[in-house]
Amino acid sequence: MVKSFKIYSYPPPETLSFDSKVESLFYSSLLHSNFITQNPEEAHLFFIPFAFSSDVSPRSAAYVVGDYRTNFIYWNRTLGADHFFLSCSGVGHGSDRNVVELKKNSVQVSCFPTTPGLFIPHKDVSLPPLVNVHAPAQGLNRKSSSHLGYVRYNWVKDSSLVEQLLADPEILVDSEPSDQLTYEERLAGSKFCLFEYGPEISAIGEAMSFGCVPVVITDRPIQDMPLMDLLTWQRIAVFVGTSGGAKEIKRVLGRVVVEEYEGMRESAAVASKHFVWNETPQPYDAFHMVMYQLWLRRHTIRYAEREWA
């Protein structure tokens, strides 16, 4: 893939800024990579260098696509199916043909977690979130954990559930930032890290780095986990609903036997290496894993010239 996969980037606008740092990292890494080709005829995919931010209207998105449709021949060959674009929050729906094709056919690369209703599983890709702390190599050699579970002060929003977890001596809950133990010590000293699905789940990569098995609390199927094409998340994380409260969470965690837990912990730590974003991309880091997911989407139907001329 690294040697053969080629992407043509359309000319960018004079000024281009993205909503998030992770988008900017991906964009910079892509433009300075060997994946970029100046010959569109040898490209497998085409990149639309436009910031489809949350305040971009469907009308503006339609204008952008219409401009590429008019000035280049490549969109019409697949109706945008061999194109991809960055949008942290996701592009909204619209009735204009250009927006419909962009939304239905092109690959949307979004921030994790994605906006409900604006992410199409199996087509779109979510960016691994930034990992701000990393476990040292010896971090996984701990003999035992001090706590069954750990919840940082903003990882769970449901106040009732937080109260239940606070009352459980096996669960370490930060009700506010604390200086008693470092964040890293709390991650390394806990078997499971509990996340309510939402914005704060972006810290999942940090938990995995320290071998703290993620517990995702949600009542709906999750289809936007990072690297869905590459990771078997059921072997890395535990998924549990909210209806049973802390009691149900404890019951589910209690069913994870020692051998199964150790396998999940090791798998989580190994997978966390794919969440690392580098200013200069390195093999198997987050940038290359996203590129691999795009490479898997390179096979598209191209229409005969008479169909789109």
C-alpha atoms as a PDB file:
ATOM      1  CA  MET A   1       0.000   0.000   0.000  1.00  0.00           C
ATOM      2  CA  VAL A   2       2.658   2.537   1.000  1.00  0.00           C
ATOM      3  CA  LYS A   3       4.402   2.299  -2.388  1.00  0.00           C
ATOM      4  CA  SER A   4       1.437   1.854  -4.711  1.00  0.00           C
ATOM      5  CA  PHE A   5      -1.490   3.817  -3.221  1.00  0.00           C
ATOM      6  CA  LYS A   6      -1.833   7.206  -4.905  1.00  0.00           C
ATOM      7  CA  ILE A   7      -4.065  10.182  -4.130  1.00  0.00           C
ATOM      8  CA  TYR A   8      -4.625  13.310  -6.142  1.00  0.00           C
ATOM      9  CA  SER A   9      -5.474  16.427  -4.159  1.00  0.00           C
ATOM     10  CA  TYR A  10      -7.450  19.122  -5.888  1.00  0.00           C
ATOM     11  CA  PRO A  11      -6.013  22.659  -5.621  1.00  0.00           C
ATOM     12  CA  PRO A  12      -6.862  24.007  -2.138  1.00  0.00           C
ATOM     13  CA  PRO A  13      -8.470  27.391  -1.471  1.00  0.00           C
ATOM     14  CA  GLU A  14      -6.181  30.284  -0.542  1.00  0.00           C
ATOM     15  CA  THR A  15      -6.960  29.847   3.147  1.00  0.00           C
ATOM     16  CA  LEU A  16      -7.805  26.501   4.696  1.00  0.00           C
ATOM     17  CA  SER A  17      -8.290  25.819   8.393  1.00  0.00           C
ATOM     18  CA  PHE A  18      -9.986  22.888  10.105  1.00  0.00           C
ATOM     19  CA  ASP A  19     -12.119  22.559  13.216  1.00  0.00           C
ATOM     20  CA  SER A  20      -9.739  20.243  15.062  1.00  0.00           C
ATOM     21  CA  LYS A  21      -6.053  19.555  15.527  1.00  0.00           C
ATOM     22  CA  VAL A  22      -6.458  15.948  14.438  1.00  0.00           C
ATOM     23  CA  GLU A  23      -7.894  17.073  11.082  1.00  0.00           C
ATOM     24  CA  SER A  24      -4.996  19.478  10.602  1.00  0.00           C
ATOM     25  CA  LEU A  25      -2.493  16.727  11.439  1.00  0.00           C
ATOM     26  CA  PHE A  26      -4.055  14.386   8.933  1.00  0.00           C
ATOM     27  CA  TYR A  27      -4.149  17.060   6.229  1.00  0.00           C
ATOM     28  CA  SER A  28      -0.534  18.101   6.758  1.00  0.00           C
ATOM     29  CA  SER A  29       0.631  14.476   6.884  1.00  0.00           C
ATOM     30  CA  LEU A  30      -1.229  13.654   3.678  1.00  0.00           C
ATOM     31  CA  LEU A  31       0.130  16.577   1.673  1.00  0.00           C
ATOM     32  CA  HIS A  32       3.712  15.781   2.696  1.00  0.00           C
ATOM     33  CA  SER A  33       3.401  12.051   2.106  1.00  0.00           C
ATOM     34  CA  ASN A  34       4.398   9.842  -0.800  1.00  0.00           C
ATOM     35  CA  PHE A  35       0.737   9.014  -1.315  1.00  0.00           C
ATOM     36  CA  ILE A  36       0.220  12.302  -3.147  1.00  0.00           C
ATOM     37  CA  THR A  37       0.585  12.274  -6.912  1.00  0.00           C
ATOM     38  CA  GLN A  38       0.590  15.186  -9.321  1.00  0.00           C
ATOM     39  CA  ASN A  39      -0.839  12.943 -12.040  1.00  0.00           C
ATOM     40  CA  PRO A  40      -4.590  12.491 -11.507  1.00  0.00           C
ATOM     41  CA  GLU A  41      -4.690   9.655 -14.043  1.00  0.00           C
ATOM     42  CA  GLU A  42      -2.695   7.386 -11.720  1.00  0.00           C
ATOM     43  CA  ALA A  43      -4.714   8.281  -8.615  1.00  0.00           C
ATOM     44  CA  HIS A  44      -6.813   5.681  -6.816  1.00  0.00           C
ATOM     45  CA  LEU A  45      -8.659   8.342  -4.807  1.00  0.00           C
ATOM     46  CA  PHE A  46      -9.206  12.091  -5.027  1.00  0.00           C
ATOM     47  CA  PHE A  47      -9.029  14.388  -2.021  1.00  0.00           C
ATOM     48  CA  ILE A  48     -11.254  17.456  -1.684  1.00  0.00           C
ATOM     49  CA  PRO A  49      -9.186  20.043   0.265  1.00  0.00           C
ATOM     50  CA  PHE A  50     -12.058  21.954   1.799  1.00  0.00           C
ATOM     51  CA  ALA A  51     -12.996  22.424   5.461  1.00  0.00           C
ATOM     52  CA  PHE A  52     -16.543  21.079   5.673  1.00  0.00           C
ATOM     53  CA  SER A  53     -16.984  22.496   9.172  1.00  0.00           C
ATOM     54  CA  SER A  54     -20.163  22.573  11.227  1.00  0.00           C
ATOM     55  CA  ASP A  55     -21.064  26.056   9.991  1.00  0.00           C
ATOM     56  CA  VAL A  56     -20.829  25.159   6.291  1.00  0.00           C
ATOM     57  CA  SER A  57     -24.332  25.081   4.853  1.00  0.00           C
ATOM     58  CA  PRO A  58     -25.530  22.417   2.379  1.00  0.00           C
ATOM     59  CA  ARG A  59     -25.702  25.186  -0.193  1.00  0.00           C
ATOM     60  CA  SER A  60     -22.005  25.997   0.290  1.00  0.00           C
ATOM     61  CA  ALA A  61     -21.098  22.299   0.137  1.00  0.00           C
ATOM     62  CA  ALA A  62     -23.074  21.987  -3.102  1.00  0.00           C
ATOM     63  CA  TYR A  63     -21.156  24.924  -4.580  1.00  0.00           C
ATOM     64  CA  VAL A  64     -17.796  23.305  -3.727  1.00  0.00           C
ATOM     65  CA  VAL A  65     -18.729  19.991  -5.344  1.00  0.00           C
ATOM     66  CA  GLY A  66     -20.265  21.754  -8.332  1.00  0.00           C
ATOM     67  CA  ASP A  67     -17.026  23.641  -8.886  1.00  0.00           C
ATOM     68  CA  TYR A  68     -15.002  20.410  -9.006  1.00  0.00           C
ATOM     69  CA  ARG A  69     -17.626  18.779 -11.214  1.00  0.00           C
ATOM     70  CA  THR A  70     -17.391  21.642 -13.707  1.00  0.00           C
ATOM     71  CA  ASN A  71     -13.633  22.179 -13.750  1.00  0.00           C
ATOM     72  CA  PHE A  72     -12.433  18.572 -13.532  1.00  0.00           C
ATOM     73  CA  ILE A  73     -13.567  15.369 -15.215  1.00  0.00           C
ATOM     74  CA  TYR A  74     -12.948  13.032 -12.292  1.00  0.00           C
ATOM     75  CA  TRP A  75     -16.041  13.530 -10.133  1.00  0.00           C
ATOM     76  CA  ASN A  76     -18.409  12.449 -12.894  1.00  0.00           C
ATOM     77  CA  ARG A  77     -16.551   9.199 -13.559  1.00  0.00           C
ATOM     78  CA  THR A  78     -17.808   7.760 -10.267  1.00  0.00           C
ATOM     79  CA  LEU A  79     -20.252  10.435  -9.089  1.00  0.00           C
ATOM     80  CA  GLY A  80     -17.776  11.113  -6.284  1.00  0.00           C
ATOM     81  CA  ALA A  81     -17.333   7.514  -5.097  1.00  0.00           C
ATOM     82  CA  ASP A  82     -13.541   7.679  -5.448  1.00  0.00           C
ATOM     83  CA  HIS A  83     -13.356  10.984  -3.530  1.00  0.00           C
ATOM     84  CA  PHE A  84     -12.889  11.698   0.152  1.00  0.00           C
ATOM     85  CA  PHE A  85     -13.003  14.766   2.353  1.00  0.00           C
ATOM     86  CA  LEU A  86     -12.471  15.906   5.939  1.00  0.00           C
ATOM     87  CA  SER A  87     -15.376  16.957   8.126  1.00  0.00           C
ATOM     88  CA  CYS A  88     -14.971  16.729  11.883  1.00  0.00           C
ATOM     89  CA  SER A  89     -18.683  17.087  12.618  1.00  0.00           C
ATOM     90  CA  GLY A  90     -19.977  15.586   9.379  1.00  0.00           C
ATOM     91  CA  VAL A  91     -21.773  17.030   6.370  1.00  0.00           C
ATOM     92  CA  GLY A  92     -25.502  17.539   6.749  1.00  0.00           C
ATOM     93  CA  HIS A  93     -28.170  16.307   4.374  1.00  0.00           C
ATOM     94  CA  GLY A  94     -29.461  18.335   1.434  1.00  0.00           C
ATOM     95  CA  SER A  95     -31.607  17.951  -1.664  1.00  0.00           C
ATOM     96  CA  ASP A  96     -29.088  19.362  -4.132  1.00  0.00           C
ATOM     97  CA  ARG A  97     -27.591  16.693  -6.397  1.00  0.00           C
ATOM     98  CA  ASN A  98     -24.047  17.651  -5.461  1.00  0.00           C
ATOM     99  CA  VAL A  99     -24.725  17.286  -1.738  1.00  0.00           C
ATOM    100  CA  VAL A 100     -26.581  13.995  -2.246  1.00  0.00           C
ATOM    101  CA  GLU A 101     -23.645  12.522  -4.158  1.00  0.00           C
ATOM    102  CA  LEU A 102     -21.110  13.874  -1.672  1.00  0.00           C
ATOM    103  CA  LYS A 103     -23.053  12.413   1.250  1.00  0.00           C
ATOM    104  CA  LYS A 104     -23.997   9.107  -0.359  1.00  0.00           C
ATOM    105  CA  ASN A 105     -20.909   8.283  -2.405  1.00  0.00           C
ATOM    106  CA  SER A 106     -17.792  10.044  -1.125  1.00  0.00           C
ATOM    107  CA  VAL A 107     -15.847   8.897   1.919  1.00  0.00           C
ATOM    108  CA  GLN A 108     -16.270  11.249   4.853  1.00  0.00           C
ATOM    109  CA  VAL A 109     -13.343  11.306   7.289  1.00  0.00           C
ATOM    110  CA  SER A 110     -14.740  12.495  10.634  1.00  0.00           C
ATOM    111  CA  CYS A 111     -13.626  13.080  14.195  1.00  0.00           C
ATOM    112  CA  PHE A 112     -14.464  10.467  16.823  1.00  0.00           C
ATOM    113  CA  PRO A 113     -17.052  10.310  18.247  1.00  0.00           C
ATOM    114  CA  THR A 114     -19.047  11.242  15.181  1.00  0.00           C
ATOM    115  CA  THR A 115     -22.215  13.308  15.021  1.00  0.00           C
ATOM    116  CA  PRO A 116     -25.320  11.068  15.216  1.00  0.00           C
ATOM    117  CA  GLY A 117     -26.993  10.693  11.838  1.00  0.00           C
ATOM    118  CA  LEU A 118     -24.116  12.196   9.866  1.00  0.00           C
ATOM    119  CA  PHE A 119     -21.847   9.134   9.628  1.00  0.00           C
ATOM    120  CA  ILE A 120     -22.432   6.216   7.252  1.00  0.00           C
ATOM    121  CA  PRO A 121     -20.857   2.980   8.565  1.00  0.00           C
ATOM    122  CA  HIS A 122     -18.779   0.868   6.153  1.00  0.00           C
ATOM    123  CA  LYS A 123     -18.268   3.912   3.906  1.00  0.00           C
ATOM    124  CA  ASP A 124     -17.059   6.685   6.174  1.00  0.00           C
ATOM    125  CA  VAL A 125     -13.970   6.656   8.405  1.00  0.00           C
ATOM    126  CA  SER A 126     -13.449   8.095  11.897  1.00  0.00           C
ATOM    127  CA  LEU A 127     -10.085   9.529  12.892  1.00  0.00           C
ATOM    128  CA  PRO A 128      -8.399   8.037  15.969  1.00  0.00           C
ATOM    129  CA  PRO A 129      -8.525  10.742  18.663  1.00  0.00           C
ATOM    130  CA  LEU A 130      -5.341  12.396  19.870  1.00  0.00           C
ATOM    131  CA  VAL A 131      -3.570  10.539  22.676  1.00  0.00           C
ATOM    132  CA  ASN A 132      -2.103  13.058  25.106  1.00  0.00           C
ATOM    133  CA  VAL A 133      -0.443  10.614  27.515  1.00  0.00           C
ATOM    134  CA  HIS A 134       1.385   7.409  26.726  1.00  0.00           C
ATOM    135  CA  ALA A 135       2.236   4.466  28.963  1.00  0.00           C
ATOM    136  CA  PRO A 136       5.931   3.655  29.422  1.00  0.00           C
ATOM    137  CA  ALA A 137       7.081   0.287  28.126  1.00  0.00           C
ATOM    138  CA  GLN A 138       7.023  -1.121  31.688  1.00  0.00           C
ATOM    139  CA  GLY A 139       3.509   0.189  32.303  1.00  0.00           C
ATOM    140  CA  LEU A 140       1.896  -3.160  31.471  1.00  0.00           C
ATOM    141  CA  ASN A 141       4.058  -5.194  33.839  1.00  0.00           C
ATOM    142  CA  ARG A 142       1.920  -4.478  36.872  1.00  0.00           C
ATOM    143  CA  LYS A 143       1.085  -7.525  38.956  1.00  0.00           C
ATOM    144  CA  SER A 144      -2.391  -6.417  39.994  1.00  0.00           C
ATOM    145  CA  SER A 145      -4.807  -3.503  39.826  1.00  0.00           C
ATOM    146  CA  SER A 146      -5.893  -1.374  42.764  1.00  0.00           C
ATOM    147  CA  HIS A 147      -9.406  -0.789  41.405  1.00  0.00           C
ATOM    148  CA  LEU A 148     -11.894  -2.724  39.334  1.00  0.00           C
ATOM    149  CA  GLY A 149     -12.897   0.397  37.435  1.00  0.00           C
ATOM    150  CA  TYR A 150     -11.923   4.018  36.950  1.00  0.00           C
ATOM    151  CA  VAL A 151     -14.105   6.933  35.872  1.00  0.00           C
ATOM    152  CA  ARG A 152     -12.549  10.329  35.273  1.00  0.00           C
ATOM    153  CA  TYR A 153     -14.624  13.302  36.397  1.00  0.00           C
ATOM    154  CA  ASN A 154     -16.083  14.000  32.942  1.00  0.00           C
ATOM    155  CA  TRP A 155     -16.221  10.562  31.353  1.00  0.00           C
ATOM    156  CA  VAL A 156     -19.768   9.802  32.575  1.00  0.00           C
ATOM    157  CA  LYS A 157     -22.420  12.530  32.353  1.00  0.00           C
ATOM    158  CA  ASP A 158     -25.394  10.661  33.854  1.00  0.00           C
ATOM    159  CA  SER A 159     -25.502  12.079  37.403  1.00  0.00           C
ATOM    160  CA  SER A 160     -27.536   9.142  38.735  1.00  0.00           C
ATOM    161  CA  LEU A 161     -25.012   6.641  37.395  1.00  0.00           C
ATOM    162  CA  VAL A 162     -22.129   8.696  38.779  1.00  0.00           C
ATOM    163  CA  GLU A 163     -23.716   8.599  42.242  1.00  0.00           C
ATOM    164  CA  GLN A 164     -24.093   4.827  42.038  1.00  0.00           C
ATOM    165  CA  LEU A 165     -20.484   4.420  40.956  1.00  0.00           C
ATOM    166  CA  LEU A 166     -19.281   6.736  43.721  1.00  0.00           C
ATOM    167  CA  ALA A 167     -20.967   4.476  46.269  1.00  0.00           C
ATOM    168  CA  ASP A 168     -19.075   1.417  45.019  1.00  0.00           C
ATOM    169  CA  PRO A 169     -15.708   0.931  46.761  1.00  0.00           C
ATOM    170  CA  GLU A 170     -14.344  -1.042  43.797  1.00  0.00           C
ATOM    171  CA  ILE A 171     -14.830   1.879  41.407  1.00  0.00           C
ATOM    172  CA  LEU A 172     -12.524   4.901  41.536  1.00  0.00           C
ATOM    173  CA  VAL A 173     -14.441   8.013  40.476  1.00  0.00           C
ATOM    174  CA  ASP A 174     -12.962  11.480  40.072  1.00  0.00           C
ATOM    175  CA  SER A 175     -15.736  13.912  40.940  1.00  0.00           C
ATOM    176  CA  GLU A 176     -13.311  16.702  40.034  1.00  0.00           C
ATOM    177  CA  PRO A 177      -9.640  17.004  39.020  1.00  0.00           C
ATOM    178  CA  SER A 178      -7.446  15.561  41.763  1.00  0.00           C
ATOM    179  CA  ASP A 179      -3.797  15.879  42.728  1.00  0.00           C
ATOM    180  CA  GLN A 180      -3.767  12.824  45.020  1.00  0.00           C
ATOM    181  CA  LEU A 181      -2.894  10.464  42.198  1.00  0.00           C
ATOM    182  CA  THR A 182      -1.772  11.377  38.728  1.00  0.00           C
ATOM    183  CA  TYR A 183      -4.037  10.630  35.807  1.00  0.00           C
ATOM    184  CA  GLU A 184      -1.504   8.098  34.565  1.00  0.00           C
ATOM    185  CA  GLU A 185      -1.405   6.328  37.947  1.00  0.00           C
ATOM    186  CA  ARG A 186      -5.181   6.009  37.967  1.00  0.00           C
ATOM    187  CA  LEU A 187      -5.197   4.530  34.471  1.00  0.00           C
ATOM    188  CA  ALA A 188      -2.414   2.090  35.262  1.00  0.00           C
ATOM    189  CA  GLY A 189      -3.983   1.086  38.590  1.00  0.00           C
ATOM    190  CA  SER A 190      -7.420   0.156  37.220  1.00  0.00           C
ATOM    191  CA  LYS A 191      -8.605  -2.918  35.361  1.00  0.00           C
ATOM    192  CA  PHE A 192     -11.390  -1.154  33.460  1.00  0.00           C
ATOM    193  CA  CYS A 193     -11.960   2.447  32.378  1.00  0.00           C
ATOM    194  CA  LEU A 194     -15.610   3.449  32.089  1.00  0.00           C
ATOM    195  CA  PHE A 195     -16.804   5.809  29.343  1.00  0.00           C
ATOM    196  CA  GLU A 196     -20.299   6.974  28.585  1.00  0.00           C
ATOM    197  CA  TYR A 197     -20.504   7.215  24.797  1.00  0.00           C
ATOM    198  CA  GLY A 198     -20.110  10.900  23.966  1.00  0.00           C
ATOM    199  CA  PRO A 199     -17.394  13.539  23.469  1.00  0.00           C
ATOM    200  CA  GLU A 200     -15.254  12.375  26.397  1.00  0.00           C
ATOM    201  CA  ILE A 201     -14.840   8.887  24.937  1.00  0.00           C
ATOM    202  CA  SER A 202     -12.077  10.436  22.861  1.00  0.00           C
ATOM    203  CA  ALA A 203      -9.769   9.570  25.783  1.00  0.00           C
ATOM    204  CA  ILE A 204     -10.228   5.875  25.020  1.00  0.00           C
ATOM    205  CA  GLY A 205      -6.819   5.641  23.369  1.00  0.00           C
ATOM    206  CA  GLU A 206      -5.118   6.907  26.530  1.00  0.00           C
ATOM    207  CA  ALA A 207      -6.852   4.251  28.642  1.00  0.00           C
ATOM    208  CA  MET A 208      -5.847   1.535  26.175  1.00  0.00           C
ATOM    209  CA  SER A 209      -2.240   2.697  26.257  1.00  0.00           C
ATOM    210  CA  PHE A 210      -2.071   1.915  29.972  1.00  0.00           C
ATOM    211  CA  GLY A 211      -3.811  -1.432  29.604  1.00  0.00           C
ATOM    212  CA  CYS A 212      -7.049  -0.150  31.141  1.00  0.00           C
ATOM    213  CA  VAL A 213      -9.729  -2.064  29.246  1.00  0.00           C
ATOM    214  CA  PRO A 214     -12.397   0.363  27.961  1.00  0.00           C
ATOM    215  CA  VAL A 215     -16.003  -0.081  29.045  1.00  0.00           C
ATOM    216  CA  VAL A 216     -18.327   1.774  26.665  1.00  0.00           C
ATOM    217  CA  ILE A 217     -21.697   2.630  28.243  1.00  0.00           C
ATOM    218  CA  THR A 218     -24.309   3.027  25.540  1.00  0.00           C
ATOM    219  CA  ASP A 219     -27.804   1.884  24.582  1.00  0.00           C
ATOM    220  CA  ARG A 220     -27.250   1.843  20.836  1.00  0.00           C
ATOM    221  CA  PRO A 221     -24.982  -0.065  18.444  1.00  0.00           C
ATOM    222  CA  ILE A 222     -21.695   1.732  17.976  1.00  0.00           C
ATOM    223  CA  GLN A 223     -20.558   1.719  14.359  1.00  0.00           C
ATOM    224  CA  ASP A 224     -18.102   4.607  14.294  1.00  0.00           C
ATOM    225  CA  MET A 225     -15.300   3.284  16.514  1.00  0.00           C
ATOM    226  CA  PRO A 226     -11.854   4.240  15.181  1.00  0.00           C
ATOM    227  CA  LEU A 227     -10.196   1.720  12.863  1.00  0.00           C
ATOM    228  CA  MET A 228     -13.367  -0.373  12.578  1.00  0.00           C
ATOM    229  CA  ASP A 229     -11.923  -2.126   9.506  1.00  0.00           C
ATOM    230  CA  LEU A 230      -8.820  -3.192  11.399  1.00  0.00           C
ATOM    231  CA  LEU A 231      -9.720  -3.790  15.041  1.00  0.00           C
ATOM    232  CA  THR A 232     -12.147  -6.307  16.515  1.00  0.00           C
ATOM    233  CA  TRP A 233     -13.483  -4.035  19.236  1.00  0.00           C
ATOM    234  CA  GLN A 234     -15.330  -6.839  21.035  1.00  0.00           C
ATOM    235  CA  ARG A 235     -11.889  -8.262  21.884  1.00  0.00           C
ATOM    236  CA  ILE A 236     -10.623  -4.909  23.149  1.00  0.00           C
ATOM    237  CA  ALA A 237     -13.558  -3.281  24.944  1.00  0.00           C
ATOM    238  CA  VAL A 238     -16.698  -4.146  26.916  1.00  0.00           C
ATOM    239  CA  PHE A 239     -20.026  -2.688  25.782  1.00  0.00           C
ATOM    240  CA  VAL A 240     -22.860  -2.328  28.299  1.00  0.00           C
ATOM    241  CA  GLY A 241     -26.206  -0.535  28.384  1.00  0.00           C
ATOM    242  CA  THR A 242     -27.349   2.120  30.829  1.00  0.00           C
ATOM    243  CA  SER A 243     -30.663   0.633  31.962  1.00  0.00           C
ATOM    244  CA  GLY A 244     -29.230  -1.523  34.749  1.00  0.00           C
ATOM    245  CA  GLY A 245     -27.062   1.191  36.262  1.00  0.00           C
ATOM    246  CA  ALA A 246     -23.896   0.436  38.197  1.00  0.00           C
ATOM    247  CA  LYS A 247     -25.225  -2.966  39.276  1.00  0.00           C
ATOM    248  CA  GLU A 248     -25.506  -4.144  35.672  1.00  0.00           C
ATOM    249  CA  ILE A 249     -22.071  -2.757  34.821  1.00  0.00           C
ATOM    250  CA  LYS A 250     -20.566  -4.678  37.745  1.00  0.00           C
ATOM    251  CA  ARG A 251     -22.398  -7.836  36.676  1.00  0.00           C
ATOM    252  CA  VAL A 252     -21.062  -7.595  33.117  1.00  0.00           C
ATOM    253  CA  LEU A 253     -17.509  -6.922  34.284  1.00  0.00           C
ATOM    254  CA  GLY A 254     -17.743  -9.834  36.706  1.00  0.00           C
ATOM    255  CA  ARG A 255     -18.390 -12.177  33.796  1.00  0.00           C
ATOM    256  CA  VAL A 256     -15.026 -11.300  32.215  1.00  0.00           C
ATOM    257  CA  VAL A 257     -12.795 -14.167  33.346  1.00  0.00           C
ATOM    258  CA  VAL A 258      -9.113 -13.662  34.112  1.00  0.00           C
ATOM    259  CA  GLU A 259      -7.832 -15.215  30.889  1.00  0.00           C
ATOM    260  CA  GLU A 260     -10.236 -13.198  28.773  1.00  0.00           C
ATOM    261  CA  TYR A 261      -9.376  -9.998  30.615  1.00  0.00           C
ATOM    262  CA  GLU A 262      -5.617 -10.448  30.148  1.00  0.00           C
ATOM    263  CA  GLY A 263      -6.149 -10.954  26.424  1.00  0.00           C
ATOM    264  CA  MET A 264      -8.269  -7.810  26.203  1.00  0.00           C
ATOM    265  CA  ARG A 265      -5.728  -5.800  28.170  1.00  0.00           C
ATOM    266  CA  GLU A 266      -2.854  -6.853  25.947  1.00  0.00           C
ATOM    267  CA  SER A 267      -4.915  -6.284  22.787  1.00  0.00           C
ATOM    268  CA  ALA A 268      -5.908  -2.814  23.981  1.00  0.00           C
ATOM    269  CA  ALA A 269      -2.314  -1.852  24.689  1.00  0.00           C
ATOM    270  CA  VAL A 270      -1.141  -3.095  21.290  1.00  0.00           C
ATOM    271  CA  ALA A 271      -4.019  -1.368  19.472  1.00  0.00           C
ATOM    272  CA  SER A 272      -3.273   1.926  21.243  1.00  0.00           C
ATOM    273  CA  LYS A 273      -0.083   2.236  19.181  1.00  0.00           C
ATOM    274  CA  HIS A 274      -2.326   2.842  16.163  1.00  0.00           C
ATOM    275  CA  PHE A 275      -3.843   5.867  17.939  1.00  0.00           C
ATOM    276  CA  VAL A 276      -0.565   7.797  18.004  1.00  0.00           C
ATOM    277  CA  TRP A 277      -0.367  10.861  15.764  1.00  0.00           C
ATOM    278  CA  ASN A 278       3.161  11.983  14.866  1.00  0.00           C
ATOM    279  CA  GLU A 279       4.202  15.275  13.342  1.00  0.00           C
ATOM    280  CA  THR A 280       6.275  13.105  10.999  1.00  0.00           C
ATOM    281  CA  PRO A 281       4.199   9.966  10.357  1.00  0.00           C
ATOM    282  CA  GLN A 282       5.690   6.628  11.342  1.00  0.00           C
ATOM    283  CA  PRO A 283       4.740   3.117  10.175  1.00  0.00           C
ATOM    284  CA  TYR A 284       1.532   1.779  11.754  1.00  0.00           C
ATOM    285  CA  ASP A 285       0.665   5.073  13.466  1.00  0.00           C
ATOM    286  CA  ALA A 286      -2.755   6.738  13.294  1.00  0.00           C
ATOM    287  CA  PHE A 287      -2.108   8.438   9.965  1.00  0.00           C
ATOM    288  CA  HIS A 288      -1.048   5.237   8.231  1.00  0.00           C
ATOM    289  CA  MET A 289      -3.956   3.291   9.717  1.00  0.00           C
ATOM    290  CA  VAL A 290      -6.419   5.847   8.340  1.00  0.00           C
ATOM    291  CA  MET A 291      -4.671   5.671   4.981  1.00  0.00           C
ATOM    292  CA  TYR A 292      -5.034   1.882   5.041  1.00  0.00           C
ATOM    293  CA  GLN A 293      -8.769   2.233   5.596  1.00  0.00           C
ATOM    294  CA  LEU A 294      -8.945   4.588   2.618  1.00  0.00           C
ATOM    295  CA  TRP A 295      -6.902   2.112   0.578  1.00  0.00           C
ATOM    296  CA  LEU A 296      -9.532  -0.539   1.324  1.00  0.00           C
ATOM    297  CA  ARG A 297     -12.099   1.825  -0.223  1.00  0.00           C
ATOM    298  CA  ARG A 298     -10.170   2.440  -3.438  1.00  0.00           C
ATOM    299  CA  HIS A 299     -12.192   0.012  -5.586  1.00  0.00           C
ATOM    300  CA  THR A 300     -15.060   1.927  -7.144  1.00  0.00           C
ATOM    301  CA  ILE A 301     -17.260   1.715 -10.224  1.00  0.00           C
ATOM    302  CA  ARG A 302     -16.257   4.074 -12.996  1.00  0.00           C
ATOM    303  CA  TYR A 303     -18.871   4.986 -15.562  1.00  0.00           C
ATOM    304  CA  ALA A 304     -18.205   4.805 -19.273  1.00  0.00           C
ATOM    305  CA  GLU A 305     -17.488   8.195 -20.842  1.00  0.00           C
ATOM    306  CA  ARG A 306     -20.738   8.241 -22.800  1.00  0.00           C
ATOM    307  CA  GLU A 307     -22.646   7.987 -19.491  1.00  0.00           C
ATOM    308  CA  TRP A 308     -21.198  11.137 -17.992  1.00  0.00           C
ATOM    309  CA  ALA A 309     -19.994  13.220 -20.899  1.00  0.00           C
END
